[in-house]
Amino acid sequence: MAGTLLLRGMLIGIVAGLLCFGFLKIVGEPQVDRAIAFETQLDEAKAHAEAQLRWIRHTFTNDRILCVTAKRDRN
């Protein structure tokens, strides 16, 4: 009697695990893929923005240096 109950419990557990795996594979996997794609886009946008900011800082720093040099030459 106890052996039969244990066997049934193990089989039901295996079936429940397979059902959970199948459900999550069908329903959950696309969500994970979309989240990964979103984070990748976010990282690319952040890198692009940082590159633009570096260019702007470089441009304004060079302009400031040129302005200071031009003012010194006038005196």
Protein backbone atom coordinates (compact mmCIF):
# COMPACT_ATOMS: atom_id res chain seq x y z
CA MET A 1 0.00 0.00 0.00
CA ALA A 2 2.70 2.51 0.98
CA GLY A 3 4.86 1.50 -1.99
CA THR A 4 1.97 2.05 -4.37
CA LEU A 5 1.28 5.50 -2.93
CA LEU A 6 4.95 6.46 -3.21
CA LEU A 7 5.10 5.27 -6.81
CA ARG A 8 1.94 7.19 -7.72
CA GLY A 9 3.29 10.30 -6.00
CA MET A 10 6.57 10.08 -7.90
CA LEU A 11 4.80 9.60 -11.23
CA ILE A 12 2.42 12.49 -10.56
CA GLY A 13 5.41 14.64 -9.59
CA ILE A 14 7.18 13.80 -12.83
CA VAL A 15 4.06 14.57 -14.86
CA ALA A 16 3.55 17.86 -12.99
CA GLY A 17 7.20 18.81 -13.60
CA LEU A 18 6.89 18.08 -17.31
CA LEU A 19 3.67 20.11 -17.53
CA CYS A 20 5.31 23.05 -15.75
CA PHE A 21 8.35 22.84 -18.02
CA GLY A 22 6.17 22.77 -21.15
CA PHE A 23 4.01 25.67 -19.98
CA LEU A 24 6.98 27.83 -19.06
CA LYS A 25 8.78 26.97 -22.29
CA ILE A 26 5.75 28.08 -24.33
CA VAL A 27 4.62 31.06 -22.26
CA GLY A 28 7.71 32.21 -20.39
CA GLU A 29 10.48 31.86 -22.96
CA PRO A 30 9.20 34.59 -25.33
CA GLN A 31 9.00 36.98 -22.38
CA VAL A 32 12.60 36.26 -21.47
CA ASP A 33 13.70 36.74 -25.08
CA ARG A 34 11.92 40.10 -25.26
CA ALA A 35 13.51 41.20 -21.99
CA ILE A 36 16.96 40.29 -23.27
CA ALA A 37 16.33 42.17 -26.53
CA PHE A 38 15.12 45.21 -24.57
CA GLU A 39 18.23 45.23 -22.38
CA THR A 40 20.45 44.89 -25.45
CA GLN A 41 18.75 47.87 -27.10
CA LEU A 42 19.11 49.84 -23.88
CA ASP A 43 22.83 49.08 -23.68
CA GLU A 44 23.34 50.07 -27.32
CA ALA A 45 21.43 53.33 -26.84
CA LYS A 46 23.44 54.09 -23.71
CA ALA A 47 26.73 53.47 -25.53
CA HIS A 48 25.60 55.69 -28.42
CA ALA A 49 24.60 58.49 -26.04
CA GLU A 50 27.91 58.26 -24.20
CA ALA A 51 29.79 58.48 -27.51
CA GLN A 52 27.83 61.57 -28.48
CA LEU A 53 28.48 63.12 -25.07
CA ARG A 54 32.21 62.45 -25.42
CA TRP A 55 32.17 64.11 -28.84
CA ILE A 56 30.30 67.15 -27.48
CA ARG A 57 32.68 67.49 -24.54
CA HIS A 58 35.67 67.17 -26.85
CA THR A 59 34.28 69.77 -29.25
CA PHE A 60 33.46 72.31 -26.54
CA THR A 61 36.75 71.74 -24.76
CA ASN A 62 38.68 72.37 -27.97
CA ASP A 63 36.58 75.48 -28.73
CA ARG A 64 37.21 76.80 -25.23
CA ILE A 65 40.94 76.26 -25.63
CA LEU A 66 40.86 78.06 -28.97
CA CYS A 67 38.90 80.97 -27.45
CA VAL A 68 41.32 81.33 -24.55
CA THR A 69 44.28 81.21 -26.95
CA ALA A 70 42.67 83.81 -29.23
CA LYS A 71 42.03 86.16 -26.28
CA ARG A 72 45.63 85.87 -25.15
CA ASP A 73 46.88 86.67 -28.66
CA ARG A 74 44.84 89.88 -28.79
CA ASN A 75 46.53 91.34 -25.72
